[in-house]
Amino acid sequence: MQSKILDHIAGENHHHWIIRIDYSPYALNQTRLIERNWINDESAKRHYEEGISIDWVDSLDLDDAIWAEKTSNWYSVWVHISDVTEAIKIYSPLDIEALKRTTSIYRWEWVINMVPPFLSQNILSLNQDWEKLTMTMQIDLDNEWWILNYQVYESKFKNKKRYNYEDFVDDYINPESENHSTLQLMYEIARKRRFNRKQEWANMDYDESDRHLHIWEKTEKVHSSKKAIPTTIIEEFMILANIASAMICVQNKYNSIFRLHNVFSEKAYYNNSVWLHAWLALWKYTHFTSPIRRYADIIVHRVLKIAHLRWEDFPYSIWEIWDIAKYINFSRTVIDILWKDVDNELRWKK
């Protein structure tokens, strides 16, 4: 059975679409309509939430934010993710544009956004002091730091403070800062979660596409003690949200996309079936946390919102998920190959 996905990308030069600066006129027209009318929120109920974000100092597309609290019996982590799918409907011009690109591509000096910058950096970005539509994943941990409960819900989120990896430590070490105790708790949770994953023989190298797809002059891997604390927090909190997303999909037998990594392959990849992510030592894993930057996350958001929260028909057939997964895997390979050629040419000219 053939899916609609092949119809949407049939006849296109895939290489041309995957790495492309200009957006289609139809996608730009839809962007202007959203700018004029804002997002039509169809949610029956949204919980109001607050939290903080941590990202690179020059990041403009902020699609994730976090919070944490401790109760007498457990620890609670909240991961708030931009509700991209409320603005970009399935198979709309913007959705097809994002599907063809599959990811944002980051280089040292510029970025090719998956969706137009006005959306990715303004309307959808969780900028400080703004209230934005979000999908929230709440994960409760027991006193041994193992996952106890989890739930996803639609929310309206206000970013109380936008941190970057440079200035995070200023508030982290200052007892007088407003978020000091929460930042300390976040790092405590992240450290203990990382210890638990090590006990499961997980590789501590983060899945390379879990946040940004950097090409060539990659932003340096954070090793300094100043940056290691916020990096550990973000990595562990994002992994928690991705685990919970996969578990909801598996337990409810939803057609969804999963992130796999077998022991024989160099890279992780997407599939419509759940299986092992050997790199992270997990049997259930997907991508939920970067829908502004990654098309796979948009798929997961739609599944959780439409099928799980709104009890409507599945947004995708199993064949559509299969074709999307194949296309995303293909696109990543093309990006790697083409940019290696570009980099070699630039190095030769230098």
Protein backbone atom coordinates (compact mmCIF):
# COMPACT_ATOMS: atom_id res chain seq x y z
CA MET A 1 0.00 0.00 0.00
CA GLN A 2 1.49 3.35 -1.10
CA SER A 3 1.29 6.35 1.24
CA LYS A 4 0.70 10.02 0.52
CA ILE A 5 4.30 10.81 1.42
CA LEU A 6 5.63 9.54 -1.89
CA ASP A 7 3.08 11.70 -3.73
CA HIS A 8 4.28 14.81 -1.90
CA ILE A 9 7.95 14.31 -2.76
CA ALA A 10 7.54 12.49 -6.10
CA GLY A 11 9.26 14.12 -9.03
CA GLU A 12 11.34 16.39 -6.80
CA ASN A 13 15.10 16.57 -6.94
CA HIS A 14 15.68 15.32 -3.41
CA HIS A 15 19.15 16.83 -3.16
CA HIS A 16 17.76 20.19 -4.25
CA TRP A 17 15.04 20.16 -1.62
CA ILE A 18 17.03 18.87 1.32
CA ILE A 19 19.58 21.67 1.25
CA ARG A 20 17.71 24.74 0.09
CA ILE A 21 17.77 28.32 1.39
CA ASP A 22 14.61 29.64 -0.28
CA TYR A 23 11.16 28.50 0.84
CA SER A 24 8.29 27.70 -1.50
CA PRO A 25 5.86 30.59 -2.15
CA TYR A 26 3.06 28.46 -0.71
CA ALA A 27 4.94 27.97 2.58
CA LEU A 28 5.76 31.68 2.75
CA ASN A 29 2.13 32.59 2.09
CA GLN A 30 1.01 30.32 4.92
CA THR A 31 3.65 31.92 7.17
CA ARG A 32 2.22 35.36 6.38
CA LEU A 33 -1.27 34.13 7.24
CA ILE A 34 -0.05 32.88 10.61
CA GLU A 35 1.73 36.21 11.19
CA ARG A 36 -1.50 38.07 10.43
CA ASN A 37 -3.95 35.83 12.31
CA TRP A 38 -1.63 34.11 14.82
CA ILE A 39 -2.12 30.43 15.71
CA ASN A 40 -5.63 29.02 15.85
CA ASP A 41 -5.48 27.06 19.11
CA GLU A 42 -7.88 24.11 18.89
CA SER A 43 -7.04 22.68 22.30
CA ALA A 44 -9.97 22.23 24.67
CA LYS A 45 -7.75 22.91 27.69
CA ARG A 46 -4.19 24.02 28.28
CA HIS A 47 -2.38 24.02 31.62
CA TYR A 48 -0.37 27.15 32.39
CA GLU A 49 3.30 26.35 33.07
CA GLU A 50 6.51 28.25 33.75
CA GLY A 51 10.15 27.26 33.52
CA ILE A 52 13.56 28.11 32.10
CA SER A 53 15.48 27.34 28.92
CA ILE A 54 19.16 26.56 28.33
CA ASP A 55 20.73 26.84 24.90
CA TRP A 56 23.70 28.15 22.95
CA VAL A 57 24.33 31.85 23.36
CA ASP A 58 23.58 32.49 19.67
CA SER A 59 20.55 30.19 19.39
CA LEU A 60 17.41 31.79 18.02
CA ASP A 61 15.05 28.80 17.71
CA LEU A 62 14.30 27.79 21.29
CA ASP A 63 12.01 24.78 21.18
CA ASP A 64 12.61 23.26 24.63
CA ALA A 65 12.42 24.42 28.24
CA ILE A 66 12.49 22.64 31.60
CA TRP A 67 11.55 22.71 35.28
CA ALA A 68 11.91 20.39 38.28
CA GLU A 69 10.52 20.02 41.80
CA LYS A 70 10.95 17.67 44.74
CA THR A 71 8.05 16.33 46.81
CA SER A 72 8.15 14.16 49.90
CA ASN A 73 7.87 10.96 47.82
CA TRP A 74 9.38 11.65 44.42
CA TYR A 75 11.02 14.07 42.00
CA SER A 76 9.14 15.67 39.12
CA VAL A 77 10.67 16.84 35.85
CA TRP A 78 8.80 18.97 33.29
CA VAL A 79 9.99 19.23 29.72
CA HIS A 80 8.09 21.88 27.75
CA ILE A 81 8.33 21.70 23.95
CA SER A 82 7.05 24.21 21.40
CA ASP A 83 3.68 23.09 20.03
CA VAL A 84 4.69 23.32 16.38
CA THR A 85 1.84 21.15 15.13
CA GLU A 86 -0.79 23.61 16.33
CA ALA A 87 0.57 26.08 13.78
CA ILE A 88 1.63 23.63 11.06
CA LYS A 89 -1.16 21.26 10.09
CA ILE A 90 -0.54 17.90 8.45
CA TYR A 91 0.27 18.11 4.72
CA SER A 92 -0.15 21.88 4.67
CA PRO A 93 2.41 23.81 2.56
CA LEU A 94 4.58 24.45 5.62
CA ASP A 95 4.39 20.80 6.61
CA ILE A 96 5.41 19.59 3.15
CA GLU A 97 8.27 22.11 3.15
CA ALA A 98 9.49 20.82 6.52
CA LEU A 99 9.10 17.21 5.40
CA LYS A 100 11.26 17.77 2.35
CA ARG A 101 14.00 19.45 4.39
CA THR A 102 13.61 17.03 7.36
CA THR A 103 15.91 19.06 9.63
CA SER A 104 17.50 22.43 10.28
CA ILE A 105 21.17 22.52 9.30
CA TYR A 106 23.57 24.48 11.49
CA ARG A 107 26.96 25.74 10.40
CA TRP A 108 29.32 27.95 12.28
CA GLU A 109 28.28 31.11 10.49
CA TRP A 110 24.64 30.46 9.53
CA VAL A 111 21.66 28.14 9.71
CA ILE A 112 19.24 26.73 7.14
CA ASN A 113 15.98 26.50 9.09
CA MET A 114 13.54 23.67 8.53
CA VAL A 115 10.65 26.16 8.75
CA PRO A 116 10.84 29.88 7.88
CA PRO A 117 12.70 32.00 10.45
CA PHE A 118 9.68 34.12 11.34
CA LEU A 119 8.08 30.97 12.72
CA SER A 120 11.15 29.17 14.05
CA GLN A 121 12.66 32.22 15.74
CA ASN A 122 9.56 34.18 16.72
CA ILE A 123 6.09 32.66 16.89
CA LEU A 124 7.22 29.13 17.78
CA SER A 125 10.36 29.95 19.78
CA LEU A 126 10.08 29.85 23.59
CA ASN A 127 11.60 33.29 24.04
CA GLN A 128 12.02 34.80 27.49
CA ASP A 129 8.96 36.47 29.08
CA TRP A 130 6.62 35.33 26.29
CA GLU A 131 3.72 32.93 26.64
CA LYS A 132 3.75 30.26 23.94
CA LEU A 133 1.76 27.11 23.11
CA THR A 134 3.60 23.98 24.21
CA MET A 135 3.38 20.24 24.69
CA THR A 136 4.51 19.29 28.18
CA MET A 137 5.95 15.96 29.26
CA GLN A 138 5.93 15.43 33.03
CA ILE A 139 8.11 12.61 34.36
CA ASP A 140 8.04 11.55 38.01
CA LEU A 141 11.08 9.76 39.42
CA ASP A 142 11.25 7.65 42.57
CA ASN A 143 13.88 8.14 45.27
CA GLU A 144 16.27 5.88 43.34
CA TRP A 145 15.90 8.15 40.28
CA TRP A 146 14.06 5.59 38.14
CA ILE A 147 10.98 6.55 36.10
CA LEU A 148 7.84 6.18 38.19
CA ASN A 149 5.09 7.90 36.17
CA TYR A 150 4.79 10.10 33.10
CA GLN A 151 2.13 12.04 31.26
CA VAL A 152 1.90 14.40 28.30
CA TYR A 153 -0.51 17.32 28.03
CA GLU A 154 -1.14 20.52 26.11
CA SER A 155 0.05 23.66 27.84
CA LYS A 156 0.69 27.37 27.65
CA PHE A 157 4.24 28.12 28.74
CA LYS A 158 6.08 31.23 29.95
CA ASN A 159 9.87 31.20 29.84
CA LYS A 160 10.95 32.91 33.07
CA LYS A 161 14.65 32.97 32.17
CA ARG A 162 16.59 32.18 29.03
CA TYR A 163 19.99 30.78 30.06
CA ASN A 164 22.90 29.92 27.83
CA TYR A 165 25.74 27.52 28.57
CA GLU A 166 27.99 30.43 29.56
CA ASP A 167 25.85 32.30 32.11
CA PHE A 168 23.97 29.35 33.64
CA VAL A 169 26.60 28.78 36.32
CA ASP A 170 26.27 32.35 37.61
CA ASP A 171 22.80 31.59 38.99
CA TYR A 172 23.68 27.99 39.76
CA ILE A 173 26.37 28.98 42.30
CA ASN A 174 24.68 32.13 43.63
CA PRO A 175 22.42 31.37 46.63
CA GLU A 176 20.73 34.74 46.17
CA SER A 177 19.59 34.07 42.60
CA GLU A 178 15.89 33.48 42.01
CA ASN A 179 16.28 30.00 40.50
CA HIS A 180 19.27 28.83 42.55
CA SER A 181 17.59 25.95 44.41
CA THR A 182 15.79 24.71 41.29
CA LEU A 183 18.98 24.73 39.21
CA GLN A 184 20.75 22.80 41.95
CA LEU A 185 17.92 20.26 42.01
CA MET A 186 18.02 19.93 38.22
CA TYR A 187 21.68 19.03 38.29
CA GLU A 188 21.17 16.58 41.13
CA ILE A 189 18.47 14.80 39.12
CA ALA A 190 20.57 14.83 35.94
CA ARG A 191 23.66 13.43 37.69
CA LYS A 192 21.71 10.61 39.31
CA ARG A 193 19.90 9.80 36.08
CA ARG A 194 23.24 9.65 34.26
CA PHE A 195 24.60 7.34 36.96
CA ASN A 196 21.59 5.03 36.51
CA ARG A 197 22.08 4.95 32.75
CA LYS A 198 25.75 4.09 33.20
CA GLN A 199 24.65 1.14 35.31
CA GLU A 200 22.65 0.01 32.28
CA TRP A 201 25.81 0.26 30.11
CA ALA A 202 24.59 3.27 28.16
CA ASN A 203 27.08 5.20 26.07
CA MET A 204 27.34 8.69 27.53
CA ASP A 205 27.87 10.30 24.12
CA TYR A 206 24.60 12.02 23.33
CA ASP A 207 22.79 10.95 20.14
CA GLU A 208 24.38 13.34 17.66
CA SER A 209 21.09 14.58 16.23
CA ASP A 210 19.25 14.94 19.51
CA ARG A 211 19.37 18.71 19.41
CA HIS A 212 21.24 20.28 16.49
CA LEU A 213 22.51 18.89 13.23
CA HIS A 214 25.88 20.64 12.99
CA ILE A 215 27.82 20.39 9.72
CA TRP A 216 31.60 20.82 9.51
CA GLU A 217 32.60 23.71 11.82
CA LYS A 218 30.61 22.15 14.63
CA THR A 219 30.04 24.03 17.85
CA GLU A 220 32.54 22.56 20.26
CA LYS A 221 31.57 19.63 22.44
CA VAL A 222 31.10 20.97 25.93
CA HIS A 223 33.83 19.68 28.21
CA SER A 224 34.68 22.62 30.47
CA SER A 225 33.38 22.35 34.01
CA LYS A 226 31.49 25.63 33.56
CA LYS A 227 29.45 24.26 30.66
CA ALA A 228 29.29 20.62 31.76
CA ILE A 229 26.59 21.25 34.38
CA PRO A 230 23.92 22.79 32.09
CA THR A 231 24.85 20.36 29.30
CA THR A 232 24.29 17.37 31.57
CA ILE A 233 20.93 18.78 32.68
CA ILE A 234 19.68 19.33 29.14
CA GLU A 235 20.89 15.98 27.83
CA GLU A 236 19.35 13.96 30.66
CA PHE A 237 16.06 15.88 30.70
CA MET A 238 15.66 15.56 26.93
CA ILE A 239 16.41 11.83 27.09
CA LEU A 240 13.77 11.46 29.82
CA ALA A 241 11.14 13.18 27.67
CA ASN A 242 12.06 11.11 24.63
CA ILE A 243 11.84 7.87 26.64
CA ALA A 244 8.42 8.82 28.04
CA SER A 245 7.15 9.72 24.55
CA ALA A 246 8.20 6.35 23.19
CA MET A 247 6.66 4.49 26.12
CA ILE A 248 3.30 6.21 25.63
CA CYS A 249 3.31 5.29 21.94
CA VAL A 250 4.32 1.68 22.57
CA GLN A 251 1.89 1.08 25.42
CA ASN A 252 -1.01 2.43 23.39
CA LYS A 253 0.10 0.76 20.13
CA TYR A 254 0.17 4.04 18.24
CA ASN A 255 1.62 4.25 14.73
CA SER A 256 4.67 6.38 15.41
CA ILE A 257 8.30 6.89 14.51
CA PHE A 258 11.11 5.57 16.74
CA ARG A 259 14.82 6.19 17.04
CA LEU A 260 16.91 3.02 16.77
CA HIS A 261 20.59 2.19 16.91
CA ASN A 262 21.75 -1.40 16.51
CA VAL A 263 25.18 -2.52 17.64
CA PHE A 264 26.39 -3.01 14.07
CA SER A 265 25.56 0.43 12.64
CA GLU A 266 27.58 3.61 12.93
CA LYS A 267 24.59 5.90 13.18
CA ALA A 268 21.20 5.90 14.77
CA TYR A 269 18.23 5.91 12.40
CA TYR A 270 14.42 6.16 12.31
CA ASN A 271 11.94 3.33 11.90
CA ASN A 272 8.23 2.69 12.29
CA SER A 273 8.93 -0.22 14.66
CA VAL A 274 10.27 0.07 18.17
CA TRP A 275 13.52 -1.72 18.92
CA LEU A 276 16.87 -1.24 20.59
CA HIS A 277 18.76 2.03 20.81
CA ALA A 278 22.06 0.38 21.72
CA TRP A 279 23.90 3.67 22.03
CA LEU A 280 21.64 4.79 24.89
CA ALA A 281 20.94 1.25 26.14
CA LEU A 282 17.19 1.75 25.71
CA TRP A 283 14.48 -0.46 24.24
CA LYS A 284 11.99 2.37 23.72
CA TYR A 285 13.22 5.70 22.39
CA THR A 286 12.02 8.40 20.03
CA HIS A 287 12.49 12.11 19.34
CA PHE A 288 9.99 14.50 20.90
CA THR A 289 12.06 17.47 22.02
CA SER A 290 13.01 19.44 18.87
CA PRO A 291 10.01 19.89 16.53
CA ILE A 292 11.21 23.30 15.29
CA ARG A 293 14.44 21.68 14.09
CA ARG A 294 13.55 18.06 13.25
CA TYR A 295 10.65 16.61 11.28
CA ALA A 296 10.63 13.30 13.17
CA ASP A 297 9.57 15.16 16.31
CA ILE A 298 6.62 16.69 14.47
CA ILE A 299 5.39 13.18 13.73
CA VAL A 300 5.59 12.20 17.40
CA HIS A 301 3.84 15.40 18.48
CA ARG A 302 0.94 14.76 16.11
CA VAL A 303 0.57 11.18 17.30
CA LEU A 304 0.54 12.19 20.97
CA LYS A 305 -1.74 15.17 20.48
CA ILE A 306 -4.26 13.79 18.01
CA ALA A 307 -4.47 10.13 19.01
CA HIS A 308 -3.56 10.27 22.71
CA LEU A 309 -4.90 13.61 23.98
CA ARG A 310 -7.74 14.43 21.60
CA TRP A 311 -8.85 10.83 20.94
CA GLU A 312 -9.15 11.38 17.23
CA ASP A 313 -8.17 9.07 14.38
CA PHE A 314 -4.50 8.25 13.90
CA PRO A 315 -2.85 11.04 11.90
CA TYR A 316 -0.69 8.56 9.96
CA SER A 317 -0.95 5.04 8.63
CA ILE A 318 1.86 2.60 9.34
CA TRP A 319 2.90 2.96 5.68
CA GLU A 320 3.16 6.73 5.94
CA ILE A 321 5.37 6.40 9.02
CA TRP A 322 7.52 3.88 7.16
CA ASP A 323 7.98 6.18 4.17
CA ILE A 324 8.72 9.21 6.36
CA ALA A 325 11.34 7.27 8.31
CA LYS A 326 13.03 6.08 5.10
CA TYR A 327 13.04 9.57 3.65
CA ILE A 328 14.50 11.15 6.81
CA ASN A 329 17.25 8.53 6.93
CA PHE A 330 17.99 9.12 3.25
CA SER A 331 18.05 12.90 3.75
CA ARG A 332 20.56 12.68 6.57
CA THR A 333 22.85 10.59 4.37
CA VAL A 334 22.56 13.10 1.53
CA ILE A 335 23.34 16.01 3.87
CA ASP A 336 26.45 14.27 5.18
CA ILE A 337 27.72 13.44 1.68
CA LEU A 338 27.01 16.83 0.12
CA TRP A 339 28.53 18.82 2.95
CA LYS A 340 31.65 16.67 2.94
CA ASP A 341 32.05 17.61 -0.72
CA VAL A 342 31.50 21.30 0.07
CA ASP A 343 33.94 21.19 2.97
CA ASN A 344 36.62 19.51 0.88
CA GLU A 345 36.22 22.15 -1.82
CA LEU A 346 36.48 24.99 0.71
CA ARG A 347 39.54 23.47 2.33
CA TRP A 348 41.17 23.04 -1.11
CA LYS A 349 40.51 26.72 -1.96
CA LYS A 350 42.00 27.80 1.36
